[in-house]
């Protein structure tokens, strides 16, 4: 069975890619004015409702032919990723994705077994629920991580002796993630199947490996890619991540 070996490999990768720390810096300017015209969605629809899975293992929202293709590598357990989601994801979608100017792809970057478990839950419903579940998990991050932190130490230690599928299922139970998903349209039986899906685990670990290979200076999460180039945000505070990224988006649209 491949999963145990991949989990060991993932541990080595995770050690070099922690959640980005907050650093002080001057705020960037607002960037150039956006003059590009909105691109109508097919059948007078909404670009943000058009979601598909990518060959790289992520999920992409919006116009596949958008001038700016934004990719976020995000960790479900990273508080800085949750802060970006709260501050930046809505204006990104409302002001750029819905207008067909930017496509937004999210690739799960798993840092540990807890992160991997939450990612399996987020991806469990496929294209129709991925972004909704991801945003909900970020909004509720302190709650479900708090449940893990409050779990009995004997239960946490017992995880190490479990087979991967049992381990992920137990973590999901301890964090309340199965009930969380059930309330949002993913039945418990389906969640159990997703948590035992070896191919899904392999793909998540592969996303990590590909990120490190393609971007040797991968700084941690969140990391953003615009049109295949890693975005250099510089040393910014948590509050400055979205304004700085938005400036980069505007520059790419103007280019």
Protein backbone atom coordinates (compact mmCIF):
# COMPACT_ATOMS: atom_id res chain seq x y z
CA UNK A 1 0.00 0.00 0.00
CA UNK A 2 1.47 3.34 -1.04
CA UNK A 3 -0.05 5.69 1.51
CA UNK A 4 2.36 5.11 4.43
CA UNK A 5 5.38 5.79 2.22
CA UNK A 6 3.81 8.93 0.84
CA UNK A 7 2.97 10.19 4.29
CA UNK A 8 6.61 9.75 5.30
CA UNK A 9 7.66 11.61 2.16
CA UNK A 10 5.18 14.34 2.90
CA UNK A 11 6.65 14.86 6.36
CA UNK A 12 10.00 15.71 4.83
CA UNK A 13 8.38 18.16 2.43
CA UNK A 14 6.26 19.78 5.11
CA UNK A 15 9.26 20.56 7.28
CA UNK A 16 10.43 23.13 4.72
CA UNK A 17 7.09 24.78 4.06
CA UNK A 18 5.38 26.12 7.13
CA UNK A 19 2.57 28.62 7.30
CA UNK A 20 4.07 32.02 6.45
CA UNK A 21 4.94 34.16 9.44
CA UNK A 22 3.73 37.73 9.67
CA UNK A 23 6.41 40.35 9.01
CA UNK A 24 6.33 44.12 9.07
CA UNK A 25 6.46 46.13 5.87
CA UNK A 26 5.14 49.26 4.25
CA UNK A 27 1.87 48.83 2.40
CA UNK A 28 2.08 48.81 -1.38
CA UNK A 29 0.22 51.22 -3.63
CA UNK A 30 -3.19 50.38 -5.06
CA UNK A 31 -1.79 49.51 -8.48
CA UNK A 32 -3.01 50.72 -11.88
CA UNK A 33 -6.67 51.30 -12.60
CA UNK A 34 -8.42 48.28 -14.09
CA UNK A 35 -9.64 49.25 -17.55
CA UNK A 36 -10.23 45.75 -18.95
CA UNK A 37 -13.85 45.08 -19.85
CA UNK A 38 -15.76 42.28 -18.16
CA UNK A 39 -16.11 39.07 -20.16
CA UNK A 40 -19.69 37.77 -20.22
CA UNK A 41 -20.11 34.26 -18.82
CA UNK A 42 -21.76 31.60 -21.01
CA UNK A 43 -25.56 31.67 -21.11
CA UNK A 44 -25.63 34.89 -19.08
CA UNK A 45 -24.31 32.90 -16.14
CA UNK A 46 -21.86 33.60 -13.37
CA UNK A 47 -18.17 32.81 -13.91
CA UNK A 48 -17.76 32.01 -10.21
CA UNK A 49 -20.20 29.11 -10.60
CA UNK A 50 -17.99 27.50 -13.25
CA UNK A 51 -15.60 25.19 -11.38
CA UNK A 52 -13.51 22.29 -12.62
CA UNK A 53 -10.67 20.13 -11.40
CA UNK A 54 -7.25 20.75 -12.94
CA UNK A 55 -4.58 18.34 -14.12
CA UNK A 56 -2.37 19.67 -11.30
CA UNK A 57 -4.90 18.48 -8.70
CA UNK A 58 -6.41 21.83 -7.83
CA UNK A 59 -9.87 23.26 -8.40
CA UNK A 60 -10.28 26.26 -10.68
CA UNK A 61 -13.09 28.81 -10.64
CA UNK A 62 -13.96 31.19 -13.43
CA UNK A 63 -13.07 31.93 -17.03
CA UNK A 64 -10.51 29.33 -18.19
CA UNK A 65 -9.29 31.82 -20.80
CA UNK A 66 -8.94 34.75 -18.41
CA UNK A 67 -5.96 37.02 -19.01
CA UNK A 68 -4.79 36.50 -15.44
CA UNK A 69 -4.58 33.00 -14.04
CA UNK A 70 -4.16 33.07 -10.27
CA UNK A 71 -3.20 30.00 -8.27
CA UNK A 72 -3.18 29.85 -4.48
CA UNK A 73 -1.35 27.15 -2.56
CA UNK A 74 -3.18 27.09 0.75
CA UNK A 75 -3.06 24.98 3.90
CA UNK A 76 -6.29 24.23 5.74
CA UNK A 77 -4.55 24.49 9.13
CA UNK A 78 -2.68 27.72 8.35
CA UNK A 79 -4.11 30.76 10.20
CA UNK A 80 -2.56 33.14 7.67
CA UNK A 81 -4.40 31.30 4.88
CA UNK A 82 -7.64 31.64 6.84
CA UNK A 83 -6.96 35.36 7.31
CA UNK A 84 -6.39 35.79 3.56
CA UNK A 85 -9.59 33.89 2.81
CA UNK A 86 -11.55 36.22 5.09
CA UNK A 87 -10.00 39.41 3.72
CA UNK A 88 -9.25 38.61 0.11
CA UNK A 89 -11.29 35.81 -1.38
CA UNK A 90 -14.61 37.65 -1.61
CA UNK A 91 -13.23 40.80 -3.30
CA UNK A 92 -11.12 38.59 -5.56
CA UNK A 93 -14.22 36.71 -6.70
CA UNK A 94 -16.57 39.69 -6.84
CA UNK A 95 -14.23 42.15 -8.56
CA UNK A 96 -12.18 39.90 -10.82
CA UNK A 97 -13.39 36.29 -11.14
CA UNK A 98 -17.07 37.11 -11.73
CA UNK A 99 -16.03 39.59 -14.42
CA UNK A 100 -14.10 36.91 -16.30
CA UNK A 101 -10.83 38.81 -15.88
CA UNK A 102 -9.14 36.37 -13.48
CA UNK A 103 -9.42 32.62 -12.99
CA UNK A 104 -8.77 31.39 -9.47
CA UNK A 105 -7.29 27.97 -8.80
CA UNK A 106 -6.82 26.62 -5.27
CA UNK A 107 -4.30 23.84 -4.65
CA UNK A 108 -4.28 22.21 -1.24
CA UNK A 109 -0.84 22.23 0.33
CA UNK A 110 -0.85 19.71 3.19
CA UNK A 111 1.52 20.37 6.10
CA UNK A 112 0.59 17.48 8.40
CA UNK A 113 -1.93 14.68 8.95
CA UNK A 114 -4.52 17.10 10.29
CA UNK A 115 -4.18 19.33 7.27
CA UNK A 116 -4.46 16.31 4.99
CA UNK A 117 -7.65 15.17 6.74
CA UNK A 118 -9.31 18.58 6.37
CA UNK A 119 -8.24 18.73 2.71
CA UNK A 120 -9.84 15.35 2.00
CA UNK A 121 -13.08 16.65 3.51
CA UNK A 122 -12.93 19.88 1.49
CA UNK A 123 -12.41 17.95 -1.75
CA UNK A 124 -14.97 15.25 -0.98
CA UNK A 125 -17.92 16.82 -2.78
CA UNK A 126 -15.92 17.60 -5.91
CA UNK A 127 -16.36 20.69 -8.05
CA UNK A 128 -19.83 21.58 -6.84
CA UNK A 129 -18.84 22.12 -3.20
CA UNK A 130 -15.06 22.52 -3.06
CA UNK A 131 -14.83 26.29 -2.76
CA UNK A 132 -17.80 26.49 -0.40
CA UNK A 133 -16.41 23.81 1.92
CA UNK A 134 -12.93 25.30 1.80
CA UNK A 135 -14.20 28.75 2.78
CA UNK A 136 -16.38 27.27 5.52
CA UNK A 137 -13.44 25.29 6.91
CA UNK A 138 -11.34 28.44 7.02
CA UNK A 139 -14.12 30.40 8.72
CA UNK A 140 -14.48 27.63 11.32
CA UNK A 141 -10.75 26.87 11.55
CA UNK A 142 -10.25 27.95 15.16
CA UNK A 143 -13.18 25.77 16.24
CA UNK A 144 -12.20 22.46 14.64
CA UNK A 145 -8.51 22.91 15.35
CA UNK A 146 -9.46 23.80 18.92
CA UNK A 147 -11.23 20.44 19.21
CA UNK A 148 -8.04 18.67 18.12
CA UNK A 149 -5.97 20.65 20.60
CA UNK A 150 -8.42 19.74 23.37
CA UNK A 151 -8.49 16.03 22.51
CA UNK A 152 -7.30 13.48 25.04
CA UNK A 153 -3.54 12.93 24.70
CA UNK A 154 -3.96 9.17 24.74
CA UNK A 155 -6.25 9.47 21.70
CA UNK A 156 -3.74 11.62 19.88
CA UNK A 157 -0.87 9.25 20.64
CA UNK A 158 -2.93 6.29 19.45
CA UNK A 159 -3.11 7.89 16.00
CA UNK A 160 0.51 6.96 15.31
CA UNK A 161 -0.23 3.23 15.41
CA UNK A 162 -3.22 3.43 13.07
CA UNK A 163 -3.36 2.64 9.37
CA UNK A 164 -3.71 5.83 7.30
CA UNK A 165 -7.43 5.47 6.49
CA UNK A 166 -8.27 4.80 10.13
CA UNK A 167 -6.05 7.68 11.20
CA UNK A 168 -7.73 10.22 8.93
CA UNK A 169 -11.18 8.98 9.93
CA UNK A 170 -10.32 9.28 13.63
CA UNK A 171 -8.89 12.80 13.18
CA UNK A 172 -12.06 13.82 11.36
CA UNK A 173 -14.15 12.47 14.24
CA UNK A 174 -12.04 14.24 16.87
CA UNK A 175 -12.28 17.54 14.97
CA UNK A 176 -16.00 17.17 14.25
CA UNK A 177 -15.33 17.38 10.53
CA UNK A 178 -17.73 14.60 9.51
CA UNK A 179 -20.65 16.34 11.16
CA UNK A 180 -19.40 19.65 9.74
CA UNK A 181 -19.42 18.20 6.21
CA UNK A 182 -22.76 16.45 6.69
CA UNK A 183 -24.42 19.76 7.54
CA UNK A 184 -23.06 21.11 4.26
CA UNK A 185 -24.22 18.39 1.90
CA UNK A 186 -21.57 15.66 2.27
CA UNK A 187 -23.12 12.60 3.98
CA UNK A 188 -21.08 10.82 6.63
CA UNK A 189 -20.75 7.68 4.50
CA UNK A 190 -19.32 9.73 1.64
CA UNK A 191 -16.91 11.49 3.99
CA UNK A 192 -15.72 8.09 5.29
CA UNK A 193 -15.11 6.95 1.72
CA UNK A 194 -13.15 10.11 0.91
CA UNK A 195 -10.99 9.75 4.01
CA UNK A 196 -10.11 6.20 2.92
CA UNK A 197 -9.38 7.16 -0.70
CA UNK A 198 -5.75 6.23 -1.33
CA UNK A 199 -5.67 7.94 -4.72
CA UNK A 200 -6.90 11.20 -3.19
CA UNK A 201 -4.17 11.08 -0.55
CA UNK A 202 -1.55 10.32 -3.18
CA UNK A 203 -2.68 13.31 -5.21
CA UNK A 204 -2.46 15.68 -2.25
CA UNK A 205 1.09 14.56 -1.52
CA UNK A 206 1.93 14.91 -5.21
CA UNK A 207 0.70 18.53 -5.18
CA UNK A 208 3.24 19.22 -2.40
CA UNK A 209 6.03 17.53 -4.29
CA UNK A 210 5.23 19.33 -7.54
CA UNK A 211 5.12 22.72 -5.78
CA UNK A 212 8.57 22.26 -4.26
CA UNK A 213 9.97 20.99 -7.57
CA UNK A 214 8.47 23.75 -9.70
CA UNK A 215 9.12 26.54 -7.20
CA UNK A 216 12.37 25.76 -5.32
CA UNK A 217 12.00 28.95 -3.26
CA UNK A 218 8.47 28.03 -2.20
CA UNK A 219 8.08 30.13 0.97
CA UNK A 220 5.16 28.43 2.70
CA UNK A 221 1.45 29.13 2.72
CA UNK A 222 -0.30 31.00 1.36
CA UNK A 223 1.75 31.22 -1.83
CA UNK A 224 0.34 32.75 -5.01
CA UNK A 225 1.16 32.15 -8.66
CA UNK A 226 0.16 34.58 -11.42
CA UNK A 227 0.43 33.27 -14.98
CA UNK A 228 2.87 30.52 -13.89
CA UNK A 229 5.21 32.90 -12.02
CA UNK A 230 5.43 32.85 -8.23
CA UNK A 231 4.35 36.18 -6.75
CA UNK A 232 6.94 37.95 -4.63
CA UNK A 233 4.84 39.63 -1.99
CA UNK A 234 7.85 40.74 0.02
CA UNK A 235 7.77 40.97 3.81
CA UNK A 236 4.16 41.95 4.43
CA UNK A 237 1.85 41.83 7.38
CA UNK A 238 -1.16 39.56 7.34
CA UNK A 239 -3.41 42.53 6.62
CA UNK A 240 -1.29 43.57 3.64
CA UNK A 241 -1.42 40.25 1.77
CA UNK A 242 -4.62 40.91 -0.17
CA UNK A 243 -3.88 44.59 -1.03
CA UNK A 244 -0.41 43.58 -2.21
CA UNK A 245 -1.72 40.65 -4.24
CA UNK A 246 -4.45 42.82 -5.74
CA UNK A 247 -1.80 45.26 -6.94
CA UNK A 248 0.00 42.36 -8.66
CA UNK A 249 -3.26 41.28 -10.27
CA UNK A 250 -3.92 44.79 -11.57
CA UNK A 251 -0.39 44.99 -12.97
CA UNK A 252 -0.88 41.69 -14.78
CA UNK A 253 -4.20 42.87 -16.22
CA UNK A 254 -2.59 46.10 -17.40
CA UNK A 255 0.42 44.33 -18.93
